[in-house]
Amino acid sequence: MIVVSRLNGGMFGVNPDLIQRVESAPDTILTLIDGTKLIVAESMDEVIARVNEHRARILARSRDLQTMSADAVHAIPGLDPVEGDDDPDPEDPPTAASGQLRRVR
């Protein structure tokens, strides 16, 4: 959500994914995808900057989560990525009887 101000000073949040268009005529008007029009005190440039900052934070958080996930995999012994597939028959799951399963502690 981005926080914007009404002309009377009240603040509210808008989901930037629902903004279809931002106009400046002379007030700044946000048109949502359902046709709702919202008049805000911020300039068009300010609204666009807030939307861009919001999206940048989401992308940065996604990158951080991917890095954390990769670090977690490497922190568990035996889960390091392997070159190629060494499973002779991917349709036949490993079983204890075949000796393909091992106990991990």
PDB file of N, CA and C in Angstrom:
ATOM      1  N   MET A   1       0.840  -1.182   0.000  1.00  0.00           N
ATOM      2  CA  MET A   1       0.000   0.000   0.000  1.00  0.00           C
ATOM      3  C   MET A   1       0.882   1.242   0.000  1.00  0.00           C
ATOM      4  N   ILE A   2       0.397   2.256  -0.674  1.00  0.00           N
ATOM      5  CA  ILE A   2       1.045   3.562  -0.573  1.00  0.00           C
ATOM      6  C   ILE A   2       0.082   4.478   0.176  1.00  0.00           C
ATOM      7  N   VAL A   3       0.627   5.384   0.945  1.00  0.00           N
ATOM      8  CA  VAL A   3      -0.199   6.313   1.719  1.00  0.00           C
ATOM      9  C   VAL A   3      -0.241   7.645   0.979  1.00  0.00           C
ATOM     10  N   VAL A   4      -1.457   8.130   0.779  1.00  0.00           N
ATOM     11  CA  VAL A   4      -1.679   9.425   0.126  1.00  0.00           C
ATOM     12  C   VAL A   4      -2.631  10.241   0.991  1.00  0.00           C
ATOM     13  N   SER A   5      -2.762  11.526   0.676  1.00  0.00           N
ATOM     14  CA  SER A   5      -3.586  12.432   1.486  1.00  0.00           C
ATOM     15  C   SER A   5      -4.775  12.946   0.692  1.00  0.00           C
ATOM     16  N   ARG A   6      -5.893  13.040   1.387  1.00  0.00           N
ATOM     17  CA  ARG A   6      -7.061  13.708   0.800  1.00  0.00           C
ATOM     18  C   ARG A   6      -6.783  15.213   0.786  1.00  0.00           C
ATOM     19  N   LEU A   7      -7.547  15.951   0.029  1.00  0.00           N
ATOM     20  CA  LEU A   7      -7.359  17.403  -0.022  1.00  0.00           C
ATOM     21  C   LEU A   7      -7.602  18.047   1.340  1.00  0.00           C
ATOM     22  N   ASN A   8      -8.469  17.425   2.176  1.00  0.00           N
ATOM     23  CA  ASN A   8      -8.748  17.976   3.508  1.00  0.00           C
ATOM     24  C   ASN A   8      -7.712  17.545   4.550  1.00  0.00           C
ATOM     25  N   GLY A   9      -6.688  16.796   4.131  1.00  0.00           N
ATOM     26  CA  GLY A   9      -5.611  16.417   5.047  1.00  0.00           C
ATOM     27  C   GLY A   9      -5.663  14.995   5.556  1.00  0.00           C
ATOM     28  N   GLY A  10      -6.801  14.333   5.464  1.00  0.00           N
ATOM     29  CA  GLY A  10      -6.894  12.944   5.911  1.00  0.00           C
ATOM     30  C   GLY A  10      -6.030  12.028   5.049  1.00  0.00           C
ATOM     31  N   MET A  11      -5.440  11.021   5.679  1.00  0.00           N
ATOM     32  CA  MET A  11      -4.563  10.106   4.945  1.00  0.00           C
ATOM     33  C   MET A  11      -5.254   8.757   4.755  1.00  0.00           C
ATOM     34  N   PHE A  12      -4.919   8.087   3.654  1.00  0.00           N
ATOM     35  CA  PHE A  12      -5.450   6.750   3.407  1.00  0.00           C
ATOM     36  C   PHE A  12      -4.481   5.976   2.534  1.00  0.00           C
ATOM     37  N   GLY A  13      -4.631   4.670   2.553  1.00  0.00           N
ATOM     38  CA  GLY A  13      -3.760   3.806   1.765  1.00  0.00           C
ATOM     39  C   GLY A  13      -4.452   3.334   0.501  1.00  0.00           C
ATOM     40  N   VAL A  14      -3.656   3.196  -0.548  1.00  0.00           N
ATOM     41  CA  VAL A  14      -4.159   2.711  -1.833  1.00  0.00           C
ATOM     42  C   VAL A  14      -3.251   1.575  -2.286  1.00  0.00           C
ATOM     43  N   ASN A  15      -3.857   0.511  -2.783  1.00  0.00           N
ATOM     44  CA  ASN A  15      -3.082  -0.583  -3.360  1.00  0.00           C
ATOM     45  C   ASN A  15      -2.587  -0.110  -4.726  1.00  0.00           C
ATOM     46  N   PRO A  16      -1.273   0.057  -4.897  1.00  0.00           N
ATOM     47  CA  PRO A  16      -0.775   0.594  -6.168  1.00  0.00           C
ATOM     48  C   PRO A  16      -1.019  -0.324  -7.359  1.00  0.00           C
ATOM     49  N   ASP A  17      -1.268  -1.602  -7.103  1.00  0.00           N
ATOM     50  CA  ASP A  17      -1.565  -2.521  -8.202  1.00  0.00           C
ATOM     51  C   ASP A  17      -2.945  -2.258  -8.796  1.00  0.00           C
ATOM     52  N   LEU A  18      -3.775  -1.506  -8.077  1.00  0.00           N
ATOM     53  CA  LEU A  18      -5.123  -1.204  -8.570  1.00  0.00           C
ATOM     54  C   LEU A  18      -5.206   0.144  -9.282  1.00  0.00           C
ATOM     55  N   ILE A  19      -4.098   0.874  -9.322  1.00  0.00           N
ATOM     56  CA  ILE A  19      -4.098   2.181  -9.991  1.00  0.00           C
ATOM     57  C   ILE A  19      -3.916   1.966 -11.493  1.00  0.00           C
ATOM     58  N   GLN A  20      -4.896   2.447 -12.241  1.00  0.00           N
ATOM     59  CA  GLN A  20      -4.826   2.342 -13.700  1.00  0.00           C
ATOM     60  C   GLN A  20      -4.152   3.571 -14.302  1.00  0.00           C
ATOM     61  N   ARG A  21      -4.451   4.745 -13.707  1.00  0.00           N
ATOM     62  CA  ARG A  21      -3.975   5.986 -14.317  1.00  0.00           C
ATOM     63  C   ARG A  21      -3.812   7.050 -13.233  1.00  0.00           C
ATOM     64  N   VAL A  22      -2.828   7.927 -13.412  1.00  0.00           N
ATOM     65  CA  VAL A  22      -2.634   9.091 -12.541  1.00  0.00           C
ATOM     66  C   VAL A  22      -2.693  10.319 -13.441  1.00  0.00           C
ATOM     67  N   GLU A  23      -3.578  11.261 -13.086  1.00  0.00           N
ATOM     68  CA  GLU A  23      -3.745  12.475 -13.891  1.00  0.00           C
ATOM     69  C   GLU A  23      -3.478  13.702 -13.028  1.00  0.00           C
ATOM     70  N   SER A  24      -3.087  14.776 -13.679  1.00  0.00           N
ATOM     71  CA  SER A  24      -2.888  16.044 -12.989  1.00  0.00           C
ATOM     72  C   SER A  24      -3.659  17.102 -13.756  1.00  0.00           C
ATOM     73  N   ALA A  25      -4.821  17.526 -13.196  1.00  0.00           N
ATOM     74  CA  ALA A  25      -5.685  18.418 -13.975  1.00  0.00           C
ATOM     75  C   ALA A  25      -6.524  19.355 -13.108  1.00  0.00           C
ATOM     76  N   PRO A  26      -6.155  20.326 -12.406  1.00  0.00           N
ATOM     77  CA  PRO A  26      -4.860  20.558 -11.776  1.00  0.00           C
ATOM     78  C   PRO A  26      -4.657  19.696 -10.539  1.00  0.00           C
ATOM     79  N   ASP A  27      -5.754  19.195  -9.926  1.00  0.00           N
ATOM     80  CA  ASP A  27      -5.580  18.265  -8.803  1.00  0.00           C
ATOM     81  C   ASP A  27      -5.106  16.919  -9.340  1.00  0.00           C
ATOM     82  N   THR A  28      -4.470  16.155  -8.473  1.00  0.00           N
ATOM     83  CA  THR A  28      -4.010  14.830  -8.883  1.00  0.00           C
ATOM     84  C   THR A  28      -5.156  13.846  -8.685  1.00  0.00           C
ATOM     85  N   ILE A  29      -5.489  13.128  -9.745  1.00  0.00           N
ATOM     86  CA  ILE A  29      -6.598  12.174  -9.720  1.00  0.00           C
ATOM     87  C   ILE A  29      -6.049  10.779  -9.994  1.00  0.00           C
ATOM     88  N   LEU A  30      -6.323   9.857  -9.064  1.00  0.00           N
ATOM     89  CA  LEU A  30      -5.971   8.451  -9.265  1.00  0.00           C
ATOM     90  C   LEU A  30      -7.210   7.747  -9.785  1.00  0.00           C
ATOM     91  N   THR A  31      -7.098   7.077 -10.902  1.00  0.00           N
ATOM     92  CA  THR A  31      -8.200   6.277 -11.425  1.00  0.00           C
ATOM     93  C   THR A  31      -7.832   4.824 -11.205  1.00  0.00           C
ATOM     94  N   LEU A  32      -8.692   4.110 -10.471  1.00  0.00           N
ATOM     95  CA  LEU A  32      -8.444   2.699 -10.187  1.00  0.00           C
ATOM     96  C   LEU A  32      -8.996   1.840 -11.315  1.00  0.00           C
ATOM     97  N   ILE A  33      -8.609   0.580 -11.349  1.00  0.00           N
ATOM     98  CA  ILE A  33      -9.020  -0.293 -12.449  1.00  0.00           C
ATOM     99  C   ILE A  33     -10.525  -0.519 -12.495  1.00  0.00           C
ATOM    100  N   ASP A  34     -11.224  -0.288 -11.359  1.00  0.00           N
ATOM    101  CA  ASP A  34     -12.682  -0.449 -11.372  1.00  0.00           C
ATOM    102  C   ASP A  34     -13.398   0.856 -11.732  1.00  0.00           C
ATOM    103  N   GLY A  35     -12.615   1.907 -12.077  1.00  0.00           N
ATOM    104  CA  GLY A  35     -13.209   3.180 -12.472  1.00  0.00           C
ATOM    105  C   GLY A  35     -13.321   4.196 -11.351  1.00  0.00           C
ATOM    106  N   THR A  36     -13.077   3.780 -10.106  1.00  0.00           N
ATOM    107  CA  THR A  36     -13.126   4.708  -8.976  1.00  0.00           C
ATOM    108  C   THR A  36     -12.074   5.798  -9.161  1.00  0.00           C
ATOM    109  N   LYS A  37     -12.478   7.039  -8.903  1.00  0.00           N
ATOM    110  CA  LYS A  37     -11.544   8.161  -9.014  1.00  0.00           C
ATOM    111  C   LYS A  37     -11.293   8.728  -7.619  1.00  0.00           C
ATOM    112  N   LEU A  38     -10.024   8.921  -7.296  1.00  0.00           N
ATOM    113  CA  LEU A  38      -9.627   9.462  -6.003  1.00  0.00           C
ATOM    114  C   LEU A  38      -8.812  10.728  -6.240  1.00  0.00           C
ATOM    115  N   ILE A  39      -9.197  11.817  -5.578  1.00  0.00           N
ATOM    116  CA  ILE A  39      -8.443  13.064  -5.682  1.00  0.00           C
ATOM    117  C   ILE A  39      -7.516  13.133  -4.475  1.00  0.00           C
ATOM    118  N   VAL A  40      -6.228  13.358  -4.730  1.00  0.00           N
ATOM    119  CA  VAL A  40      -5.240  13.370  -3.652  1.00  0.00           C
ATOM    120  C   VAL A  40      -4.449  14.673  -3.672  1.00  0.00           C
ATOM    121  N   ALA A  41      -3.854  15.003  -2.526  1.00  0.00           N
ATOM    122  CA  ALA A  41      -3.094  16.245  -2.388  1.00  0.00           C
ATOM    123  C   ALA A  41      -1.707  16.149  -3.018  1.00  0.00           C
ATOM    124  N   GLU A  42      -1.145  14.949  -3.095  1.00  0.00           N
ATOM    125  CA  GLU A  42       0.203  14.776  -3.643  1.00  0.00           C
ATOM    126  C   GLU A  42       0.216  15.080  -5.141  1.00  0.00           C
ATOM    127  N   SER A  43       1.382  15.487  -5.616  1.00  0.00           N
ATOM    128  CA  SER A  43       1.525  15.730  -7.055  1.00  0.00           C
ATOM    129  C   SER A  43       1.600  14.393  -7.792  1.00  0.00           C
ATOM    130  N   MET A  44       1.411  14.457  -9.093  1.00  0.00           N
ATOM    131  CA  MET A  44       1.502  13.248  -9.903  1.00  0.00           C
ATOM    132  C   MET A  44       2.891  12.625  -9.759  1.00  0.00           C
ATOM    133  N   ASP A  45       3.932  13.450  -9.759  1.00  0.00           N
ATOM    134  CA  ASP A  45       5.301  12.937  -9.606  1.00  0.00           C
ATOM    135  C   ASP A  45       5.494  12.233  -8.267  1.00  0.00           C
ATOM    136  N   GLU A  46       4.906  12.787  -7.192  1.00  0.00           N
ATOM    137  CA  GLU A  46       5.019  12.160  -5.872  1.00  0.00           C
ATOM    138  C   GLU A  46       4.331  10.793  -5.856  1.00  0.00           C
ATOM    139  N   VAL A  47       3.141  10.715  -6.438  1.00  0.00           N
ATOM    140  CA  VAL A  47       2.408   9.442  -6.472  1.00  0.00           C
ATOM    141  C   VAL A  47       3.205   8.406  -7.257  1.00  0.00           C
ATOM    142  N   ILE A  48       3.716   8.791  -8.411  1.00  0.00           N
ATOM    143  CA  ILE A  48       4.498   7.859  -9.231  1.00  0.00           C
ATOM    144  C   ILE A  48       5.742   7.408  -8.474  1.00  0.00           C
ATOM    145  N   ALA A  49       6.405   8.331  -7.774  1.00  0.00           N
ATOM    146  CA  ALA A  49       7.596   7.975  -6.990  1.00  0.00           C
ATOM    147  C   ALA A  49       7.240   6.983  -5.886  1.00  0.00           C
ATOM    148  N   ARG A  50       6.106   7.177  -5.220  1.00  0.00           N
ATOM    149  CA  ARG A  50       5.695   6.250  -4.151  1.00  0.00           C
ATOM    150  C   ARG A  50       5.386   4.861  -4.704  1.00  0.00           C
ATOM    151  N   VAL A  51       4.738   4.823  -5.864  1.00  0.00           N
ATOM    152  CA  VAL A  51       4.455   3.524  -6.495  1.00  0.00           C
ATOM    153  C   VAL A  51       5.766   2.836  -6.857  1.00  0.00           C
ATOM    154  N   ASN A  52       6.703   3.578  -7.441  1.00  0.00           N
ATOM    155  CA  ASN A  52       8.000   2.997  -7.810  1.00  0.00           C
ATOM    156  C   ASN A  52       8.761   2.509  -6.583  1.00  0.00           C
ATOM    157  N   GLU A  53       8.758   3.281  -5.489  1.00  0.00           N
ATOM    158  CA  GLU A  53       9.427   2.868  -4.251  1.00  0.00           C
ATOM    159  C   GLU A  53       8.786   1.603  -3.690  1.00  0.00           C
ATOM    160  N   HIS A  54       7.459   1.551  -3.732  1.00  0.00           N
ATOM    161  CA  HIS A  54       6.732   0.375  -3.236  1.00  0.00           C
ATOM    162  C   HIS A  54       7.146  -0.874  -4.016  1.00  0.00           C
ATOM    163  N   ARG A  55       7.175  -0.764  -5.328  1.00  0.00           N
ATOM    164  CA  ARG A  55       7.550  -1.916  -6.160  1.00  0.00           C
ATOM    165  C   ARG A  55       9.010  -2.296  -5.956  1.00  0.00           C
ATOM    166  N   ALA A  56       9.875  -1.318  -5.782  1.00  0.00           N
ATOM    167  CA  ALA A  56      11.296  -1.602  -5.532  1.00  0.00           C
ATOM    168  C   ALA A  56      11.465  -2.351  -4.213  1.00  0.00           C
ATOM    169  N   ARG A  57      10.692  -1.967  -3.184  1.00  0.00           N
ATOM    170  CA  ARG A  57      10.764  -2.678  -1.893  1.00  0.00           C
ATOM    171  C   ARG A  57      10.314  -4.124  -2.049  1.00  0.00           C
ATOM    172  N   ILE A  58       9.269  -4.353  -2.840  1.00  0.00           N
ATOM    173  CA  ILE A  58       8.782  -5.719  -3.056  1.00  0.00           C
ATOM    174  C   ILE A  58       9.849  -6.550  -3.762  1.00  0.00           C
ATOM    175  N   LEU A  59      10.467  -6.004  -4.799  1.00  0.00           N
ATOM    176  CA  LEU A  59      11.514  -6.735  -5.524  1.00  0.00           C
ATOM    177  C   LEU A  59      12.717  -7.011  -4.626  1.00  0.00           C
ATOM    178  N   ALA A  60      13.101  -6.038  -3.807  1.00  0.00           N
ATOM    179  CA  ALA A  60      14.235  -6.230  -2.897  1.00  0.00           C
ATOM    180  C   ALA A  60      13.912  -7.311  -1.875  1.00  0.00           C
ATOM    181  N   ARG A  61      12.703  -7.307  -1.351  1.00  0.00           N
ATOM    182  CA  ARG A  61      12.291  -8.326  -0.365  1.00  0.00           C
ATOM    183  C   ARG A  61      12.283  -9.708  -1.004  1.00  0.00           C
ATOM    184  N   SER A  62      11.821  -9.799  -2.236  1.00  0.00           N
ATOM    185  CA  SER A  62      11.812 -11.075  -2.955  1.00  0.00           C
ATOM    186  C   SER A  62      13.233 -11.598  -3.128  1.00  0.00           C
ATOM    187  N   ARG A  63      14.149 -10.711  -3.502  1.00  0.00           N
ATOM    188  CA  ARG A  63      15.550 -11.102  -3.666  1.00  0.00           C
ATOM    189  C   ARG A  63      16.128 -11.578  -2.331  1.00  0.00           C
ATOM    190  N   ASP A  64      15.807 -10.870  -1.238  1.00  0.00           N
ATOM    191  CA  ASP A  64      16.290 -11.264   0.084  1.00  0.00           C
ATOM    192  C   ASP A  64      15.766 -12.643   0.470  1.00  0.00           C
ATOM    193  N   LEU A  65      14.492 -12.906   0.190  1.00  0.00           N
ATOM    194  CA  LEU A  65      13.907 -14.212   0.522  1.00  0.00           C
ATOM    195  C   LEU A  65      14.551 -15.325  -0.287  1.00  0.00           C
ATOM    196  N   GLN A  66      14.844 -15.074  -1.560  1.00  0.00           N
ATOM    197  CA  GLN A  66      15.506 -16.086  -2.384  1.00  0.00           C
ATOM    198  C   GLN A  66      16.896 -16.382  -1.850  1.00  0.00           C
ATOM    199  N   THR A  67      17.613 -15.353  -1.433  1.00  0.00           N
ATOM    200  CA  THR A  67      18.949 -15.536  -0.869  1.00  0.00           C
ATOM    201  C   THR A  67      18.869 -16.324   0.427  1.00  0.00           C
ATOM    202  N   MET A  68      17.883 -15.997   1.274  1.00  0.00           N
ATOM    203  CA  MET A  68      17.719 -16.713   2.540  1.00  0.00           C
ATOM    204  C   MET A  68      17.394 -18.173   2.283  1.00  0.00           C
ATOM    205  N   SER A  69      16.560 -18.466   1.294  1.00  0.00           N
ATOM    206  CA  SER A  69      16.198 -19.848   0.971  1.00  0.00           C
ATOM    207  C   SER A  69      17.414 -20.615   0.492  1.00  0.00           C
ATOM    208  N   ALA A  70      18.223 -20.011  -0.358  1.00  0.00           N
ATOM    209  CA  ALA A  70      19.424 -20.678  -0.864  1.00  0.00           C
ATOM    210  C   ALA A  70      20.403 -20.933   0.275  1.00  0.00           C
ATOM    211  N   ASP A  71      20.555 -19.978   1.188  1.00  0.00           N
ATOM    212  CA  ASP A  71      21.444 -20.164   2.335  1.00  0.00           C
ATOM    213  C   ASP A  71      20.941 -21.289   3.227  1.00  0.00           C
ATOM    214  N   ALA A  72      19.624 -21.404   3.395  1.00  0.00           N
ATOM    215  CA  ALA A  72      19.061 -22.456   4.240  1.00  0.00           C
ATOM    216  C   ALA A  72      19.340 -23.826   3.647  1.00  0.00           C
ATOM    217  N   VAL A  73      19.266 -23.971   2.334  1.00  0.00           N
ATOM    218  CA  VAL A  73      19.538 -25.259   1.688  1.00  0.00           C
ATOM    219  C   VAL A  73      20.984 -25.653   1.916  1.00  0.00           C
ATOM    220  N   HIS A  74      21.907 -24.709   1.799  1.00  0.00           N
ATOM    221  CA  HIS A  74      23.322 -25.019   1.987  1.00  0.00           C
ATOM    222  C   HIS A  74      23.652 -25.280   3.451  1.00  0.00           C
ATOM    223  N   ALA A  75      22.816 -24.814   4.373  1.00  0.00           N
ATOM    224  CA  ALA A  75      23.074 -25.011   5.794  1.00  0.00           C
ATOM    225  C   ALA A  75      22.704 -26.414   6.254  1.00  0.00           C
ATOM    226  N   ILE A  76      21.945 -27.152   5.451  1.00  0.00           N
ATOM    227  CA  ILE A  76      21.532 -28.510   5.815  1.00  0.00           C
ATOM    228  C   ILE A  76      22.422 -29.495   5.083  1.00  0.00           C
ATOM    229  N   PRO A  77      23.209 -30.301   5.815  1.00  0.00           N
ATOM    230  CA  PRO A  77      24.098 -31.265   5.157  1.00  0.00           C
ATOM    231  C   PRO A  77      23.316 -32.209   4.251  1.00  0.00           C
ATOM    232  N   GLY A  78      23.892 -32.512   3.107  1.00  0.00           N
ATOM    233  CA  GLY A  78      23.266 -33.456   2.189  1.00  0.00           C
ATOM    234  C   GLY A  78      22.267 -32.831   1.242  1.00  0.00           C
ATOM    235  N   LEU A  79      22.012 -31.534   1.357  1.00  0.00           N
ATOM    236  CA  LEU A  79      21.040 -30.886   0.470  1.00  0.00           C
ATOM    237  C   LEU A  79      21.710 -29.931  -0.506  1.00  0.00           C
ATOM    238  N   ASP A  80      23.025 -30.041  -0.659  1.00  0.00           N
ATOM    239  CA  ASP A  80      23.713 -29.185  -1.615  1.00  0.00           C
ATOM    240  C   ASP A  80      23.269 -29.534  -3.027  1.00  0.00           C
ATOM    241  N   PRO A  81      23.160 -28.545  -3.905  1.00  0.00           N
ATOM    242  CA  PRO A  81      22.754 -28.825  -5.279  1.00  0.00           C
ATOM    243  C   PRO A  81      23.757 -29.747  -5.969  1.00  0.00           C
ATOM    244  N   VAL A  82      23.264 -30.629  -6.822  1.00  0.00           N
ATOM    245  CA  VAL A  82      24.102 -31.601  -7.510  1.00  0.00           C
ATOM    246  C   VAL A  82      24.070 -31.324  -9.006  1.00  0.00           C
ATOM    247  N   GLU A  83      25.164 -31.616  -9.682  1.00  0.00           N
ATOM    248  CA  GLU A  83      25.215 -31.498 -11.138  1.00  0.00           C
ATOM    249  C   GLU A  83      24.473 -32.680 -11.744  1.00  0.00           C
ATOM    250  N   GLY A  84      23.437 -32.441 -12.521  1.00  0.00           N
ATOM    251  CA  GLY A  84      22.724 -33.520 -13.208  1.00  0.00           C
ATOM    252  C   GLY A  84      21.853 -34.342 -12.273  1.00  0.00           C
ATOM    253  N   ASP A  85      21.146 -35.279 -12.850  1.00  0.00           N
ATOM    254  CA  ASP A  85      20.229 -36.143 -12.104  1.00  0.00           C
ATOM    255  C   ASP A  85      20.850 -37.524 -12.008  1.00  0.00           C
ATOM    256  N   ASP A  86      21.121 -37.977 -10.789  1.00  0.00           N
ATOM    257  CA  ASP A  86      21.736 -39.294 -10.633  1.00  0.00           C
ATOM    258  C   ASP A  86      20.706 -40.377 -10.328  1.00  0.00           C
ATOM    259  N   ASP A  87      19.423 -40.056 -10.440  1.00  0.00           N
ATOM    260  CA  ASP A  87      18.368 -41.043 -10.202  1.00  0.00           C
ATOM    261  C   ASP A  87      18.195 -41.867 -11.474  1.00  0.00           C
ATOM    262  N   PRO A  88      18.482 -43.180 -11.410  1.00  0.00           N
ATOM    263  CA  PRO A  88      18.398 -44.003 -12.612  1.00  0.00           C
ATOM    264  C   PRO A  88      16.989 -44.097 -13.190  1.00  0.00           C
ATOM    265  N   ASP A  89      15.978 -44.078 -12.341  1.00  0.00           N
ATOM    266  CA  ASP A  89      14.602 -44.191 -12.824  1.00  0.00           C
ATOM    267  C   ASP A  89      13.724 -43.229 -12.032  1.00  0.00           C
ATOM    268  N   PRO A  90      13.458 -42.021 -12.552  1.00  0.00           N
ATOM    269  CA  PRO A  90      12.682 -41.044 -11.798  1.00  0.00           C
ATOM    270  C   PRO A  90      11.245 -41.479 -11.537  1.00  0.00           C
ATOM    271  N   GLU A  91      10.744 -42.445 -12.300  1.00  0.00           N
ATOM    272  CA  GLU A  91       9.377 -42.928 -12.098  1.00  0.00           C
ATOM    273  C   GLU A  91       9.291 -43.901 -10.927  1.00  0.00           C
ATOM    274  N   ASP A  92      10.415 -44.497 -10.539  1.00  0.00           N
ATOM    275  CA  ASP A  92      10.447 -45.486  -9.461  1.00  0.00           C
ATOM    276  C   ASP A  92      11.026 -44.820  -8.214  1.00  0.00           C
ATOM    277  N   PRO A  93      10.185 -44.473  -7.221  1.00  0.00           N
ATOM    278  CA  PRO A  93      10.695 -43.774  -6.046  1.00  0.00           C
ATOM    279  C   PRO A  93      11.654 -44.654  -5.246  1.00  0.00           C
ATOM    280  N   PRO A  94      12.644 -44.048  -4.567  1.00  0.00           N
ATOM    281  CA  PRO A  94      13.582 -44.832  -3.774  1.00  0.00           C
ATOM    282  C   PRO A  94      12.890 -45.479  -2.580  1.00  0.00           C
ATOM    283  N   THR A  95      13.381 -46.621  -2.192  1.00  0.00           N
ATOM    284  CA  THR A  95      12.831 -47.340  -1.038  1.00  0.00           C
ATOM    285  C   THR A  95      13.976 -47.739  -0.125  1.00  0.00           C
ATOM    286  N   ALA A  96      13.645 -48.067   1.128  1.00  0.00           N
ATOM    287  CA  ALA A  96      14.661 -48.518   2.075  1.00  0.00           C
ATOM    288  C   ALA A  96      15.254 -49.842   1.612  1.00  0.00           C
ATOM    289  N   ALA A  97      14.428 -50.699   1.017  1.00  0.00           N
ATOM    290  CA  ALA A  97      14.899 -52.014   0.570  1.00  0.00           C
ATOM    291  C   ALA A  97      15.940 -51.882  -0.540  1.00  0.00           C
ATOM    292  N   SER A  98      15.834 -50.872  -1.373  1.00  0.00           N
ATOM    293  CA  SER A  98      16.784 -50.717  -2.474  1.00  0.00           C
ATOM    294  C   SER A  98      18.100 -50.101  -2.008  1.00  0.00           C
ATOM    295  N   GLY A  99      18.143 -49.650  -0.754  1.00  0.00           N
ATOM    296  CA  GLY A  99      19.350 -49.042  -0.224  1.00  0.00           C
ATOM    297  C   GLY A  99      19.545 -47.605  -0.674  1.00  0.00           C
ATOM    298  N   GLN A 100      18.542 -47.033  -1.332  1.00  0.00           N
ATOM    299  CA  GLN A 100      18.670 -45.662  -1.833  1.00  0.00           C
ATOM    300  C   GLN A 100      18.324 -44.620  -0.772  1.00  0.00           C
ATOM    301  N   LEU A 101      17.641 -45.042   0.285  1.00  0.00           N
ATOM    302  CA  LEU A 101      17.288 -44.105   1.348  1.00  0.00           C
ATOM    303  C   LEU A 101      18.313 -44.201   2.463  1.00  0.00           C
ATOM    304  N   ARG A 102      18.635 -43.071   3.054  1.00  0.00           N
ATOM    305  CA  ARG A 102      19.518 -43.099   4.210  1.00  0.00           C
ATOM    306  C   ARG A 102      18.914 -42.224   5.290  1.00  0.00           C
ATOM    307  N   ARG A 103      19.184 -42.570   6.522  1.00  0.00           N
ATOM    308  CA  ARG A 103      18.641 -41.826   7.656  1.00  0.00           C
ATOM    309  C   ARG A 103      19.474 -40.560   7.851  1.00  0.00           C
ATOM    310  N   VAL A 104      18.799 -39.426   7.976  1.00  0.00           N
ATOM    311  CA  VAL A 104      19.471 -38.150   8.211  1.00  0.00           C
ATOM    312  C   VAL A 104      19.148 -37.716   9.626  1.00  0.00           C
ATOM    313  N   ARG A 105      20.186 -37.373  10.375  1.00  0.00           N
ATOM    314  CA  ARG A 105      19.957 -36.954  11.767  1.00  0.00           C
ATOM    315  C   ARG A 105      20.290 -35.514  11.939  1.00  0.00           C
TER     316      ARG A 105
END
